[in-house]
Amino acid sequence: MINATELYAAPLAGANWHKSKYTANNGQCVELAPVPALPAVAIRDSKNLQIPPIRTSNHSMQHFAAALLAGGLVAV
């Protein structure tokens, strides 16, 4: 298990950010990057890079993606 201190201490300088291949080219995208040396991912808003990226473990991201695919998350 990764603790928050360790997760947010990892530098993201030079991170390899990725957008979905399904993203429209309108600058309103979510980007993901692996967190160096940790089994974790960073997530940022491509239109507002001043906001620091959030970070989560690969395990948590996999559960989130599975819930999205299964329709288990509903916008309110």
N, C-alpha and C. Protein backbone atom coordinates (compact mmCIF):
# COMPACT_ATOMS: atom_id res chain seq x y z
N MET A 1 0.84 -1.18 0.00
CA MET A 1 0.00 0.00 0.00
C MET A 1 0.88 1.24 0.00
N ILE A 2 0.51 2.21 -0.80
CA ILE A 2 1.27 3.46 -0.91
C ILE A 2 0.63 4.49 0.02
N ASN A 3 1.45 5.16 0.84
CA ASN A 3 0.88 6.21 1.68
C ASN A 3 0.91 7.54 0.92
N ALA A 4 0.07 8.47 1.34
CA ALA A 4 -0.09 9.75 0.63
C ALA A 4 1.20 10.56 0.60
N THR A 5 1.97 10.52 1.66
CA THR A 5 3.23 11.27 1.70
C THR A 5 4.17 10.77 0.61
N GLU A 6 4.31 9.47 0.52
CA GLU A 6 5.17 8.86 -0.50
C GLU A 6 4.64 9.16 -1.90
N LEU A 7 3.34 9.07 -2.07
CA LEU A 7 2.71 9.28 -3.37
C LEU A 7 2.91 10.70 -3.87
N TYR A 8 2.72 11.68 -3.01
CA TYR A 8 2.83 13.09 -3.42
C TYR A 8 4.26 13.62 -3.37
N ALA A 9 5.18 12.88 -2.76
CA ALA A 9 6.58 13.29 -2.75
C ALA A 9 7.29 12.94 -4.05
N ALA A 10 6.76 11.98 -4.78
CA ALA A 10 7.39 11.58 -6.05
C ALA A 10 7.30 12.71 -7.06
N PRO A 11 8.42 13.10 -7.66
CA PRO A 11 8.39 14.20 -8.63
C PRO A 11 7.71 13.80 -9.94
N LEU A 12 7.03 14.75 -10.55
CA LEU A 12 6.40 14.51 -11.85
C LEU A 12 7.09 15.28 -12.98
N ALA A 13 8.20 15.92 -12.67
CA ALA A 13 8.94 16.63 -13.72
C ALA A 13 9.34 15.64 -14.80
N GLY A 14 9.03 15.96 -16.01
CA GLY A 14 9.35 15.07 -17.12
C GLY A 14 8.39 13.91 -17.27
N ALA A 15 7.26 13.96 -16.57
CA ALA A 15 6.28 12.87 -16.66
C ALA A 15 5.77 12.73 -18.09
N ASN A 16 5.46 11.53 -18.47
CA ASN A 16 4.98 11.22 -19.82
C ASN A 16 3.45 11.20 -19.80
N TRP A 17 2.83 12.37 -20.04
CA TRP A 17 1.38 12.51 -19.96
C TRP A 17 0.71 11.95 -21.21
N HIS A 18 -0.44 11.29 -21.01
CA HIS A 18 -1.18 10.67 -22.10
C HIS A 18 -2.63 11.12 -22.07
N LYS A 19 -3.17 11.37 -23.26
CA LYS A 19 -4.60 11.64 -23.42
C LYS A 19 -5.23 10.43 -24.10
N SER A 20 -6.50 10.25 -23.88
CA SER A 20 -7.21 9.17 -24.55
C SER A 20 -7.18 9.39 -26.06
N LYS A 21 -7.11 8.30 -26.80
CA LYS A 21 -7.15 8.42 -28.26
C LYS A 21 -8.53 8.85 -28.73
N TYR A 22 -9.53 8.81 -27.84
CA TYR A 22 -10.89 9.22 -28.18
C TYR A 22 -11.14 10.70 -27.87
N THR A 23 -10.13 11.41 -27.36
CA THR A 23 -10.27 12.79 -26.98
C THR A 23 -10.39 13.69 -28.21
N ALA A 24 -11.34 14.60 -28.16
CA ALA A 24 -11.44 15.62 -29.21
C ALA A 24 -10.26 16.58 -29.03
N ASN A 25 -9.85 17.22 -30.08
CA ASN A 25 -8.71 18.12 -30.02
C ASN A 25 -9.18 19.53 -29.64
N ASN A 26 -9.88 19.64 -28.49
CA ASN A 26 -10.41 20.94 -28.08
C ASN A 26 -9.76 21.46 -26.80
N GLY A 27 -8.75 20.78 -26.30
CA GLY A 27 -8.03 21.24 -25.12
C GLY A 27 -8.74 20.97 -23.80
N GLN A 28 -9.85 20.28 -23.82
CA GLN A 28 -10.58 19.97 -22.59
C GLN A 28 -10.45 18.48 -22.31
N CYS A 29 -9.29 18.11 -21.81
CA CYS A 29 -8.98 16.70 -21.66
C CYS A 29 -8.48 16.39 -20.26
N VAL A 30 -8.59 15.15 -19.91
CA VAL A 30 -7.94 14.62 -18.72
C VAL A 30 -6.73 13.86 -19.21
N GLU A 31 -5.61 14.07 -18.55
CA GLU A 31 -4.38 13.37 -18.93
C GLU A 31 -3.90 12.52 -17.76
N LEU A 32 -3.27 11.40 -18.09
CA LEU A 32 -2.73 10.48 -17.10
C LEU A 32 -1.24 10.31 -17.33
N ALA A 33 -0.51 10.09 -16.25
CA ALA A 33 0.92 9.80 -16.34
C ALA A 33 1.30 8.84 -15.22
N PRO A 34 2.17 7.88 -15.52
CA PRO A 34 2.66 7.04 -14.43
C PRO A 34 3.50 7.87 -13.45
N VAL A 35 3.38 7.57 -12.18
CA VAL A 35 4.21 8.23 -11.16
C VAL A 35 5.51 7.44 -11.10
N PRO A 36 6.65 8.09 -11.33
CA PRO A 36 7.93 7.38 -11.37
C PRO A 36 8.21 6.59 -10.09
N ALA A 37 8.66 5.37 -10.28
CA ALA A 37 9.12 4.47 -9.20
C ALA A 37 8.02 4.01 -8.25
N LEU A 38 6.75 4.26 -8.59
CA LEU A 38 5.65 3.80 -7.75
C LEU A 38 4.57 3.16 -8.62
N PRO A 39 3.83 2.21 -8.08
CA PRO A 39 2.70 1.65 -8.82
C PRO A 39 1.49 2.59 -8.68
N ALA A 40 1.62 3.77 -9.34
CA ALA A 40 0.62 4.82 -9.17
C ALA A 40 0.50 5.63 -10.46
N VAL A 41 -0.57 6.43 -10.52
CA VAL A 41 -0.84 7.27 -11.67
C VAL A 41 -1.21 8.68 -11.19
N ALA A 42 -0.81 9.67 -11.99
CA ALA A 42 -1.19 11.06 -11.74
C ALA A 42 -2.23 11.45 -12.78
N ILE A 43 -3.18 12.28 -12.39
CA ILE A 43 -4.28 12.68 -13.27
C ILE A 43 -4.38 14.19 -13.23
N ARG A 44 -4.41 14.83 -14.42
CA ARG A 44 -4.51 16.29 -14.45
C ARG A 44 -5.51 16.75 -15.50
N ASP A 45 -5.91 17.99 -15.35
CA ASP A 45 -6.81 18.67 -16.27
C ASP A 45 -5.94 19.42 -17.27
N SER A 46 -5.98 19.04 -18.53
CA SER A 46 -5.08 19.64 -19.52
C SER A 46 -5.38 21.11 -19.79
N LYS A 47 -6.58 21.57 -19.50
CA LYS A 47 -6.90 22.98 -19.77
C LYS A 47 -6.51 23.89 -18.61
N ASN A 48 -6.15 23.33 -17.46
CA ASN A 48 -5.78 24.13 -16.30
C ASN A 48 -4.59 23.49 -15.60
N LEU A 49 -3.42 23.68 -16.16
CA LEU A 49 -2.21 23.03 -15.64
C LEU A 49 -1.70 23.65 -14.34
N GLN A 50 -2.30 24.77 -13.90
CA GLN A 50 -1.90 25.37 -12.63
C GLN A 50 -2.42 24.56 -11.44
N ILE A 51 -3.47 23.77 -11.66
CA ILE A 51 -3.99 22.91 -10.60
C ILE A 51 -3.11 21.67 -10.51
N PRO A 52 -2.59 21.38 -9.34
CA PRO A 52 -1.72 20.19 -9.21
C PRO A 52 -2.49 18.90 -9.54
N PRO A 53 -1.81 17.95 -10.16
CA PRO A 53 -2.46 16.67 -10.48
C PRO A 53 -2.82 15.91 -9.21
N ILE A 54 -3.91 15.15 -9.29
CA ILE A 54 -4.20 14.22 -8.21
C ILE A 54 -3.44 12.94 -8.50
N ARG A 55 -3.22 12.15 -7.48
CA ARG A 55 -2.48 10.90 -7.65
C ARG A 55 -3.21 9.78 -6.93
N THR A 56 -3.13 8.61 -7.49
CA THR A 56 -3.76 7.45 -6.88
C THR A 56 -2.98 6.19 -7.26
N SER A 57 -3.19 5.15 -6.52
CA SER A 57 -2.51 3.89 -6.82
C SER A 57 -3.09 3.27 -8.10
N ASN A 58 -2.29 2.45 -8.75
CA ASN A 58 -2.78 1.73 -9.93
C ASN A 58 -3.98 0.87 -9.57
N HIS A 59 -3.95 0.27 -8.40
CA HIS A 59 -5.04 -0.58 -7.93
C HIS A 59 -6.35 0.22 -7.84
N SER A 60 -6.30 1.38 -7.24
CA SER A 60 -7.50 2.22 -7.12
C SER A 60 -7.98 2.69 -8.49
N MET A 61 -7.05 3.03 -9.37
CA MET A 61 -7.43 3.48 -10.72
C MET A 61 -8.10 2.34 -11.49
N GLN A 62 -7.62 1.13 -11.32
CA GLN A 62 -8.23 -0.02 -12.00
C GLN A 62 -9.67 -0.23 -11.51
N HIS A 63 -9.90 -0.08 -10.22
CA HIS A 63 -11.26 -0.22 -9.69
C HIS A 63 -12.17 0.90 -10.18
N PHE A 64 -11.65 2.11 -10.27
CA PHE A 64 -12.42 3.25 -10.78
C PHE A 64 -12.81 3.01 -12.24
N ALA A 65 -11.84 2.60 -13.05
CA ALA A 65 -12.11 2.35 -14.47
C ALA A 65 -13.12 1.20 -14.64
N ALA A 66 -13.02 0.16 -13.83
CA ALA A 66 -13.96 -0.95 -13.90
C ALA A 66 -15.38 -0.48 -13.55
N ALA A 67 -15.50 0.39 -12.55
CA ALA A 67 -16.81 0.92 -12.18
C ALA A 67 -17.39 1.78 -13.31
N LEU A 68 -16.55 2.56 -13.97
CA LEU A 68 -17.02 3.35 -15.11
C LEU A 68 -17.55 2.45 -16.22
N LEU A 69 -16.76 1.43 -16.56
CA LEU A 69 -17.15 0.52 -17.64
C LEU A 69 -18.43 -0.26 -17.32
N ALA A 70 -18.60 -0.56 -16.04
CA ALA A 70 -19.78 -1.33 -15.63
C ALA A 70 -21.02 -0.44 -15.45
N GLY A 71 -20.84 0.87 -15.60
CA GLY A 71 -21.97 1.78 -15.40
C GLY A 71 -22.31 1.99 -13.94
N GLY A 72 -21.36 1.71 -13.08
CA GLY A 72 -21.60 1.82 -11.65
C GLY A 72 -21.46 3.21 -11.08
N LEU A 73 -21.07 4.18 -11.89
CA LEU A 73 -20.95 5.57 -11.43
C LEU A 73 -21.98 6.41 -12.15
N VAL A 74 -22.70 7.19 -11.40
CA VAL A 74 -23.77 8.01 -11.97
C VAL A 74 -23.53 9.45 -11.60
N ALA A 75 -23.57 10.34 -12.56
CA ALA A 75 -23.42 11.78 -12.30
C ALA A 75 -24.70 12.30 -11.62
N VAL A 76 -24.52 13.17 -10.66
CA VAL A 76 -25.67 13.78 -9.97
C VAL A 76 -25.73 15.26 -10.24
